[in-house]
Amino acid sequence: MCLDWLSLPSGPRWVEVGCGTGALTESILKHADPGSVTGTEPSEGFLNMARGRIHDKRAVFKSGD
């Protein structure tokens, strides 16, 4: 995963614009050890999929673009 190459510090806050079904959010949580990830997505269907897929308390999904 490309996040491994970045040698990121633990704990930063992330914003993912256009998070879709949460696939990248899931990778961020696994590989980057963020303090939090806020994913935004205009599609309610994709948001529901992301919310159903990811149960990590550091992840929040909001409607928006």
C-alpha atoms as a PDB file:
ATOM      1  CA  MET A   1       0.000   0.000   0.000  1.00  0.00           C
ATOM      2  CA  CYS A   2       1.312   3.439  -0.890  1.00  0.00           C
ATOM      3  CA  LEU A   3       0.689   4.708   2.658  1.00  0.00           C
ATOM      4  CA  ASP A   4       3.521   2.502   3.898  1.00  0.00           C
ATOM      5  CA  TRP A   5       6.005   4.456   1.769  1.00  0.00           C
ATOM      6  CA  LEU A   6       5.179   7.752   3.470  1.00  0.00           C
ATOM      7  CA  SER A   7       6.461   6.893   6.971  1.00  0.00           C
ATOM      8  CA  LEU A   8       3.651   8.889   8.545  1.00  0.00           C
ATOM      9  CA  PRO A   9       3.576   9.704  12.250  1.00  0.00           C
ATOM     10  CA  SER A  10       0.812   8.187  14.377  1.00  0.00           C
ATOM     11  CA  GLY A  11      -2.158  10.278  15.383  1.00  0.00           C
ATOM     12  CA  PRO A  12      -2.891  12.890  12.683  1.00  0.00           C
ATOM     13  CA  ARG A  13      -6.449  13.698  11.644  1.00  0.00           C
ATOM     14  CA  TRP A  14      -7.369  12.761   8.084  1.00  0.00           C
ATOM     15  CA  VAL A  15     -10.134  13.986   5.764  1.00  0.00           C
ATOM     16  CA  GLU A  16     -11.059  11.849   2.790  1.00  0.00           C
ATOM     17  CA  VAL A  17     -13.180  13.701   0.227  1.00  0.00           C
ATOM     18  CA  GLY A  18     -15.211  11.300  -1.884  1.00  0.00           C
ATOM     19  CA  CYS A  19     -14.733   8.293   0.394  1.00  0.00           C
ATOM     20  CA  GLY A  20     -17.103   6.050  -1.563  1.00  0.00           C
ATOM     21  CA  THR A  21     -17.585   2.695   0.148  1.00  0.00           C
ATOM     22  CA  GLY A  22     -14.751   3.278   2.619  1.00  0.00           C
ATOM     23  CA  ALA A  23     -12.023   1.152   1.006  1.00  0.00           C
ATOM     24  CA  LEU A  24      -9.321   3.824   1.314  1.00  0.00           C
ATOM     25  CA  THR A  25     -10.560   4.793   4.782  1.00  0.00           C
ATOM     26  CA  GLU A  26     -10.084   1.175   5.817  1.00  0.00           C
ATOM     27  CA  SER A  27      -6.501   1.234   4.481  1.00  0.00           C
ATOM     28  CA  ILE A  28      -5.759   4.528   6.236  1.00  0.00           C
ATOM     29  CA  LEU A  29      -6.959   3.042   9.523  1.00  0.00           C
ATOM     30  CA  LYS A  30      -4.841  -0.074   9.003  1.00  0.00           C
ATOM     31  CA  HIS A  31      -1.615   1.438   7.658  1.00  0.00           C
ATOM     32  CA  ALA A  32      -1.405   5.052   8.883  1.00  0.00           C
ATOM     33  CA  ASP A  33      -2.604   4.833  12.522  1.00  0.00           C
ATOM     34  CA  PRO A  34      -4.599   8.087  12.373  1.00  0.00           C
ATOM     35  CA  GLY A  35      -6.158   9.849  15.325  1.00  0.00           C
ATOM     36  CA  SER A  36      -9.330  10.122  13.249  1.00  0.00           C
ATOM     37  CA  VAL A  37     -10.583   9.888   9.677  1.00  0.00           C
ATOM     38  CA  THR A  38     -13.547  11.907   8.428  1.00  0.00           C
ATOM     39  CA  GLY A  39     -14.881  10.641   5.127  1.00  0.00           C
ATOM     40  CA  THR A  40     -17.246  12.744   3.028  1.00  0.00           C
ATOM     41  CA  GLU A  41     -19.377  11.384   0.210  1.00  0.00           C
ATOM     42  CA  PRO A  42     -22.406  12.769  -1.693  1.00  0.00           C
ATOM     43  CA  SER A  43     -23.934   9.313  -2.300  1.00  0.00           C
ATOM     44  CA  GLU A  44     -26.059   8.107   0.619  1.00  0.00           C
ATOM     45  CA  GLY A  45     -25.815   4.562  -0.746  1.00  0.00           C
ATOM     46  CA  PHE A  46     -22.013   4.616  -0.587  1.00  0.00           C
ATOM     47  CA  LEU A  47     -22.124   6.231   2.870  1.00  0.00           C
ATOM     48  CA  ASN A  48     -24.349   3.439   4.137  1.00  0.00           C
ATOM     49  CA  MET A  49     -21.927   0.864   2.727  1.00  0.00           C
ATOM     50  CA  ALA A  50     -18.946   2.601   4.365  1.00  0.00           C
ATOM     51  CA  ARG A  51     -20.750   2.847   7.703  1.00  0.00           C
ATOM     52  CA  GLY A  52     -21.684  -0.827   7.519  1.00  0.00           C
ATOM     53  CA  ARG A  53     -18.161  -1.844   6.574  1.00  0.00           C
ATOM     54  CA  ILE A  54     -16.090   0.136   9.090  1.00  0.00           C
ATOM     55  CA  HIS A  55     -16.778  -0.004  12.815  1.00  0.00           C
ATOM     56  CA  ASP A  56     -13.621   1.718  14.038  1.00  0.00           C
ATOM     57  CA  LYS A  57     -14.494   4.576  16.415  1.00  0.00           C
ATOM     58  CA  ARG A  58     -11.841   6.749  14.733  1.00  0.00           C
ATOM     59  CA  ALA A  59     -13.844   6.821  11.475  1.00  0.00           C
ATOM     60  CA  VAL A  60     -16.782   9.165  10.857  1.00  0.00           C
ATOM     61  CA  PHE A  61     -18.698   9.431   7.587  1.00  0.00           C
ATOM     62  CA  LYS A  62     -20.611  12.553   6.550  1.00  0.00           C
ATOM     63  CA  SER A  63     -22.694  13.551   3.576  1.00  0.00           C
ATOM     64  CA  GLY A  64     -20.952  16.126   1.387  1.00  0.00           C
ATOM     65  CA  ASP A  65     -18.664  16.626  -1.572  1.00  0.00           C
END
